[in-house]
Amino acid sequence: GWCPLSPTGAQTTQLLLEPPWTPAVLWDRVTLTCQSSGTPGATTWYKDGLLWWKEKPDQFVVTESGTYRCERPGTGLSPPVRVLKDWLVLQVPAQELLEGDTVTLRCRG
């Protein structure tokens, strides 16, 4: 499943993560998808706060660790998504969590 990292229905740019666990790890073959109601095909990608790709595809497989964001005209920047190279990581589902929610944690290595 694809899980947005910001509230559903908001007029914002979202980064969808597959597999839908955060923080993401490189050895999971992570796919990022930029989604918004902004102009299709006009996605700008940022890695570690710097411009990385201009007008590139809305979806790609991550090959480097770092913090990623995407931008679409009219809806702005997505929240950041971290992709780690760590050998041991504690993950939570990549979805909006509210106080009182039951959550599954994964410790993976």
N, C-alpha and C. Protein backbone atom coordinates (compact mmCIF):
# COMPACT_ATOMS: atom_id res chain seq x y z
N GLY A 1 0.80 -1.20 0.00
CA GLY A 1 0.00 0.00 0.00
C GLY A 1 0.83 1.25 0.00
N TRP A 2 0.26 2.30 -0.58
CA TRP A 2 0.89 3.61 -0.60
C TRP A 2 0.33 4.42 0.54
N CYS A 3 1.19 5.06 1.30
CA CYS A 3 0.73 5.84 2.45
C CYS A 3 1.23 7.27 2.35
N PRO A 4 0.32 8.24 2.29
CA PRO A 4 0.77 9.65 2.27
C PRO A 4 1.35 10.04 3.61
N LEU A 5 2.32 10.95 3.58
CA LEU A 5 2.94 11.40 4.82
C LEU A 5 2.38 12.73 5.29
N SER A 6 1.27 13.17 4.71
CA SER A 6 0.56 14.34 5.20
C SER A 6 -0.93 14.07 5.07
N PRO A 7 -1.78 14.84 5.77
CA PRO A 7 -3.20 14.52 5.83
C PRO A 7 -3.86 14.38 4.47
N THR A 8 -4.73 13.40 4.35
CA THR A 8 -5.43 13.15 3.10
C THR A 8 -6.36 14.31 2.79
N GLY A 9 -6.47 14.66 1.52
CA GLY A 9 -7.38 15.72 1.12
C GLY A 9 -6.76 17.11 1.16
N ALA A 10 -5.62 17.26 1.82
CA ALA A 10 -4.97 18.57 1.88
C ALA A 10 -4.41 18.91 0.50
N GLN A 11 -4.49 20.19 0.14
CA GLN A 11 -3.96 20.64 -1.15
C GLN A 11 -2.47 20.88 -1.00
N THR A 12 -1.74 19.79 -0.83
CA THR A 12 -0.30 19.87 -0.64
C THR A 12 0.38 18.84 -1.53
N THR A 13 1.68 18.96 -1.61
CA THR A 13 2.48 17.96 -2.30
C THR A 13 2.85 16.90 -1.28
N GLN A 14 2.71 15.63 -1.66
CA GLN A 14 3.00 14.53 -0.76
C GLN A 14 4.03 13.61 -1.39
N LEU A 15 4.86 13.00 -0.54
CA LEU A 15 5.78 11.97 -0.98
C LEU A 15 5.24 10.64 -0.49
N LEU A 16 4.97 9.73 -1.42
CA LEU A 16 4.51 8.41 -1.06
C LEU A 16 5.71 7.47 -1.03
N LEU A 17 5.68 6.57 -0.07
CA LEU A 17 6.81 5.71 0.21
C LEU A 17 6.41 4.25 0.03
N GLU A 18 7.20 3.51 -0.71
CA GLU A 18 6.97 2.07 -0.87
C GLU A 18 8.30 1.35 -0.68
N PRO A 19 8.44 0.41 0.27
CA PRO A 19 7.42 -0.01 1.22
C PRO A 19 7.06 1.10 2.20
N PRO A 20 5.83 1.07 2.73
CA PRO A 20 5.31 2.19 3.52
C PRO A 20 5.75 2.19 4.99
N TRP A 21 7.07 2.22 5.21
CA TRP A 21 7.63 2.26 6.56
C TRP A 21 8.65 3.38 6.65
N THR A 22 8.70 4.03 7.82
CA THR A 22 9.64 5.14 8.00
C THR A 22 10.38 4.99 9.34
N PRO A 23 11.68 5.32 9.43
CA PRO A 23 12.48 5.77 8.30
C PRO A 23 12.72 4.63 7.31
N ALA A 24 12.83 5.00 6.04
CA ALA A 24 13.08 4.02 4.99
C ALA A 24 14.56 3.63 5.00
N VAL A 25 14.85 2.43 4.51
CA VAL A 25 16.24 1.97 4.44
C VAL A 25 16.56 1.52 3.01
N LEU A 26 17.76 1.83 2.57
CA LEU A 26 18.16 1.54 1.19
C LEU A 26 17.98 0.07 0.81
N TRP A 27 18.27 -0.84 1.75
CA TRP A 27 18.20 -2.26 1.40
C TRP A 27 16.78 -2.77 1.19
N ASP A 28 15.78 -1.91 1.33
CA ASP A 28 14.38 -2.27 1.03
C ASP A 28 13.99 -1.93 -0.41
N ARG A 29 14.91 -1.41 -1.21
CA ARG A 29 14.60 -0.94 -2.57
C ARG A 29 13.42 0.03 -2.53
N VAL A 30 13.65 1.19 -1.95
CA VAL A 30 12.63 2.20 -1.69
C VAL A 30 12.24 2.95 -2.97
N THR A 31 10.93 3.07 -3.20
CA THR A 31 10.41 3.88 -4.30
C THR A 31 9.72 5.10 -3.72
N LEU A 32 10.07 6.28 -4.22
CA LEU A 32 9.40 7.53 -3.84
C LEU A 32 8.52 7.98 -4.99
N THR A 33 7.30 8.42 -4.66
CA THR A 33 6.39 8.95 -5.66
C THR A 33 5.89 10.30 -5.19
N CYS A 34 6.05 11.31 -6.04
CA CYS A 34 5.58 12.66 -5.73
C CYS A 34 4.14 12.78 -6.24
N GLN A 35 3.25 13.21 -5.35
CA GLN A 35 1.83 13.26 -5.70
C GLN A 35 1.24 14.60 -5.24
N SER A 36 0.48 15.23 -6.13
CA SER A 36 -0.24 16.46 -5.77
C SER A 36 -1.23 16.77 -6.88
N SER A 37 -1.99 17.83 -6.64
CA SER A 37 -2.91 18.30 -7.68
C SER A 37 -2.23 19.33 -8.57
N GLY A 38 -0.92 19.51 -8.38
CA GLY A 38 -0.16 20.46 -9.20
C GLY A 38 0.05 19.94 -10.61
N THR A 39 0.79 20.69 -11.39
CA THR A 39 1.03 20.36 -12.80
C THR A 39 1.79 19.04 -12.95
N PRO A 40 1.21 18.05 -13.64
CA PRO A 40 1.92 16.77 -13.86
C PRO A 40 3.17 16.99 -14.70
N GLY A 41 4.21 16.20 -14.42
CA GLY A 41 5.43 16.27 -15.21
C GLY A 41 6.33 17.44 -14.90
N ALA A 42 5.98 18.22 -13.89
CA ALA A 42 6.80 19.38 -13.53
C ALA A 42 7.35 19.22 -12.11
N THR A 43 7.80 18.01 -11.80
CA THR A 43 8.29 17.70 -10.46
C THR A 43 9.74 18.12 -10.31
N THR A 44 10.03 18.85 -9.23
CA THR A 44 11.39 19.20 -8.86
C THR A 44 11.74 18.42 -7.60
N TRP A 45 12.90 17.77 -7.60
CA TRP A 45 13.34 16.97 -6.46
C TRP A 45 14.48 17.65 -5.72
N TYR A 46 14.48 17.51 -4.39
CA TYR A 46 15.54 18.03 -3.54
C TYR A 46 16.10 16.88 -2.71
N LYS A 47 17.42 16.88 -2.56
CA LYS A 47 18.08 15.88 -1.71
C LYS A 47 18.99 16.63 -0.74
N ASP A 48 18.79 16.35 0.54
CA ASP A 48 19.56 17.00 1.60
C ASP A 48 19.52 18.52 1.50
N GLY A 49 18.35 19.05 1.12
CA GLY A 49 18.13 20.49 1.09
C GLY A 49 18.60 21.18 -0.18
N LEU A 50 19.19 20.45 -1.10
CA LEU A 50 19.71 21.05 -2.33
C LEU A 50 18.92 20.57 -3.55
N LEU A 51 18.80 21.45 -4.55
CA LEU A 51 18.15 21.07 -5.80
C LEU A 51 18.88 19.86 -6.38
N TRP A 52 18.11 18.82 -6.74
CA TRP A 52 18.72 17.57 -7.19
C TRP A 52 18.34 17.24 -8.62
N TRP A 53 17.02 17.29 -8.93
CA TRP A 53 16.51 17.02 -10.28
C TRP A 53 15.43 18.04 -10.60
N LYS A 54 15.47 18.60 -11.79
CA LYS A 54 14.44 19.54 -12.23
C LYS A 54 13.63 18.89 -13.34
N GLU A 55 12.30 18.95 -13.20
CA GLU A 55 11.37 18.39 -14.20
C GLU A 55 11.71 16.94 -14.53
N LYS A 56 11.84 16.14 -13.51
CA LYS A 56 12.13 14.72 -13.66
C LYS A 56 10.87 13.90 -13.37
N PRO A 57 10.93 12.58 -13.53
CA PRO A 57 9.74 11.75 -13.30
C PRO A 57 9.17 11.89 -11.89
N ASP A 58 7.89 11.58 -11.77
CA ASP A 58 7.21 11.68 -10.48
C ASP A 58 7.55 10.52 -9.56
N GLN A 59 8.22 9.50 -10.10
CA GLN A 59 8.53 8.30 -9.31
C GLN A 59 9.92 7.80 -9.65
N PHE A 60 10.67 7.33 -8.61
CA PHE A 60 11.96 6.74 -8.86
C PHE A 60 12.37 5.85 -7.69
N VAL A 61 13.32 4.94 -7.95
CA VAL A 61 13.87 4.07 -6.92
C VAL A 61 15.10 4.76 -6.33
N VAL A 62 15.14 4.88 -5.02
CA VAL A 62 16.23 5.57 -4.32
C VAL A 62 17.49 4.70 -4.33
N THR A 63 18.62 5.30 -4.67
CA THR A 63 19.89 4.56 -4.68
C THR A 63 20.92 5.17 -3.72
N GLU A 64 20.58 6.31 -3.09
CA GLU A 64 21.49 6.96 -2.15
C GLU A 64 20.73 7.35 -0.90
N SER A 65 21.38 7.23 0.26
CA SER A 65 20.75 7.68 1.50
C SER A 65 20.66 9.20 1.49
N GLY A 66 19.73 9.73 2.26
CA GLY A 66 19.57 11.18 2.34
C GLY A 66 18.15 11.55 2.70
N THR A 67 17.89 12.85 2.73
CA THR A 67 16.55 13.38 3.01
C THR A 67 16.00 13.96 1.72
N TYR A 68 14.85 13.46 1.30
CA TYR A 68 14.26 13.82 0.00
C TYR A 68 12.98 14.63 0.18
N ARG A 69 12.78 15.56 -0.75
CA ARG A 69 11.54 16.32 -0.85
C ARG A 69 11.25 16.51 -2.34
N CYS A 70 9.97 16.72 -2.65
CA CYS A 70 9.64 17.06 -4.03
C CYS A 70 8.75 18.30 -4.02
N GLU A 71 8.69 18.96 -5.17
CA GLU A 71 7.92 20.20 -5.30
C GLU A 71 7.14 20.15 -6.60
N ARG A 72 5.88 20.58 -6.52
CA ARG A 72 5.03 20.68 -7.72
C ARG A 72 4.45 22.09 -7.77
N PRO A 73 4.36 22.68 -8.95
CA PRO A 73 3.79 24.02 -9.07
C PRO A 73 2.37 24.07 -8.50
N GLY A 74 2.10 25.07 -7.70
CA GLY A 74 0.76 25.27 -7.17
C GLY A 74 0.51 24.62 -5.82
N THR A 75 1.29 23.59 -5.47
CA THR A 75 1.07 22.93 -4.18
C THR A 75 2.32 22.90 -3.31
N GLY A 76 3.44 23.34 -3.82
CA GLY A 76 4.63 23.53 -3.01
C GLY A 76 5.42 22.28 -2.69
N LEU A 77 6.22 22.39 -1.62
CA LEU A 77 7.14 21.33 -1.21
C LEU A 77 6.45 20.26 -0.37
N SER A 78 6.87 19.03 -0.55
CA SER A 78 6.39 17.93 0.28
C SER A 78 7.10 17.96 1.63
N PRO A 79 6.54 17.26 2.62
CA PRO A 79 7.30 17.02 3.85
C PRO A 79 8.53 16.17 3.50
N PRO A 80 9.61 16.25 4.31
CA PRO A 80 10.81 15.48 4.01
C PRO A 80 10.63 13.99 4.32
N VAL A 81 11.34 13.16 3.55
CA VAL A 81 11.39 11.72 3.78
C VAL A 81 12.86 11.33 3.90
N ARG A 82 13.20 10.65 5.00
CA ARG A 82 14.58 10.20 5.20
C ARG A 82 14.75 8.77 4.69
N VAL A 83 15.84 8.52 3.99
CA VAL A 83 16.20 7.17 3.57
C VAL A 83 17.59 6.91 4.15
N LEU A 84 17.69 5.87 4.98
CA LEU A 84 18.92 5.59 5.72
C LEU A 84 19.69 4.43 5.10
N LYS A 85 20.98 4.38 5.42
CA LYS A 85 21.82 3.27 5.01
C LYS A 85 22.15 2.39 6.22
N ASP A 86 21.54 2.67 7.36
CA ASP A 86 21.83 1.97 8.62
C ASP A 86 21.58 0.47 8.52
N TRP A 87 22.29 -0.29 9.36
CA TRP A 87 22.12 -1.74 9.39
C TRP A 87 21.05 -2.18 10.37
N LEU A 88 20.68 -1.31 11.31
CA LEU A 88 19.65 -1.61 12.29
C LEU A 88 18.73 -0.40 12.40
N VAL A 89 17.42 -0.60 12.25
CA VAL A 89 16.51 0.53 12.23
C VAL A 89 15.18 0.15 12.90
N LEU A 90 14.61 1.10 13.64
CA LEU A 90 13.29 0.94 14.24
C LEU A 90 12.31 1.71 13.37
N GLN A 91 11.34 1.02 12.77
CA GLN A 91 10.43 1.63 11.81
C GLN A 91 9.00 1.69 12.35
N VAL A 92 8.26 2.69 11.84
CA VAL A 92 6.82 2.82 12.10
C VAL A 92 6.13 2.94 10.74
N PRO A 93 4.83 2.64 10.67
CA PRO A 93 4.13 2.81 9.39
C PRO A 93 4.20 4.26 8.92
N ALA A 94 4.39 4.45 7.61
CA ALA A 94 4.48 5.80 7.03
C ALA A 94 3.07 6.31 6.78
N GLN A 95 2.42 6.74 7.84
CA GLN A 95 1.06 7.28 7.74
C GLN A 95 0.87 8.28 8.87
N GLU A 96 -0.20 9.05 8.77
CA GLU A 96 -0.52 10.03 9.80
C GLU A 96 -0.88 9.29 11.08
N LEU A 97 -0.15 9.57 12.17
CA LEU A 97 -0.42 8.93 13.45
C LEU A 97 -0.93 9.97 14.44
N LEU A 98 -1.96 9.59 15.19
CA LEU A 98 -2.53 10.48 16.19
C LEU A 98 -2.37 9.87 17.58
N GLU A 99 -2.34 10.71 18.60
CA GLU A 99 -2.22 10.22 19.97
C GLU A 99 -3.34 9.23 20.26
N GLY A 100 -2.98 8.11 20.84
CA GLY A 100 -3.96 7.07 21.15
C GLY A 100 -4.05 5.97 20.11
N ASP A 101 -3.47 6.20 18.92
CA ASP A 101 -3.46 5.16 17.89
C ASP A 101 -2.61 3.97 18.34
N THR A 102 -3.03 2.79 17.96
CA THR A 102 -2.19 1.60 18.14
C THR A 102 -1.27 1.54 16.94
N VAL A 103 0.02 1.32 17.21
CA VAL A 103 0.99 1.33 16.13
C VAL A 103 1.89 0.11 16.21
N THR A 104 2.24 -0.44 15.07
CA THR A 104 3.18 -1.56 15.00
C THR A 104 4.57 -1.01 14.75
N LEU A 105 5.52 -1.41 15.58
CA LEU A 105 6.93 -1.03 15.40
C LEU A 105 7.67 -2.22 14.83
N ARG A 106 8.65 -1.94 13.96
CA ARG A 106 9.48 -3.01 13.40
C ARG A 106 10.95 -2.68 13.71
N CYS A 107 11.62 -3.62 14.35
CA CYS A 107 13.06 -3.49 14.54
C CYS A 107 13.70 -4.41 13.53
N ARG A 108 14.48 -3.83 12.60
CA ARG A 108 15.00 -4.62 11.48
C ARG A 108 16.51 -4.42 11.33
N GLY A 109 17.14 -5.48 10.92
CA GLY A 109 18.58 -5.41 10.70
C GLY A 109 19.04 -6.40 9.67
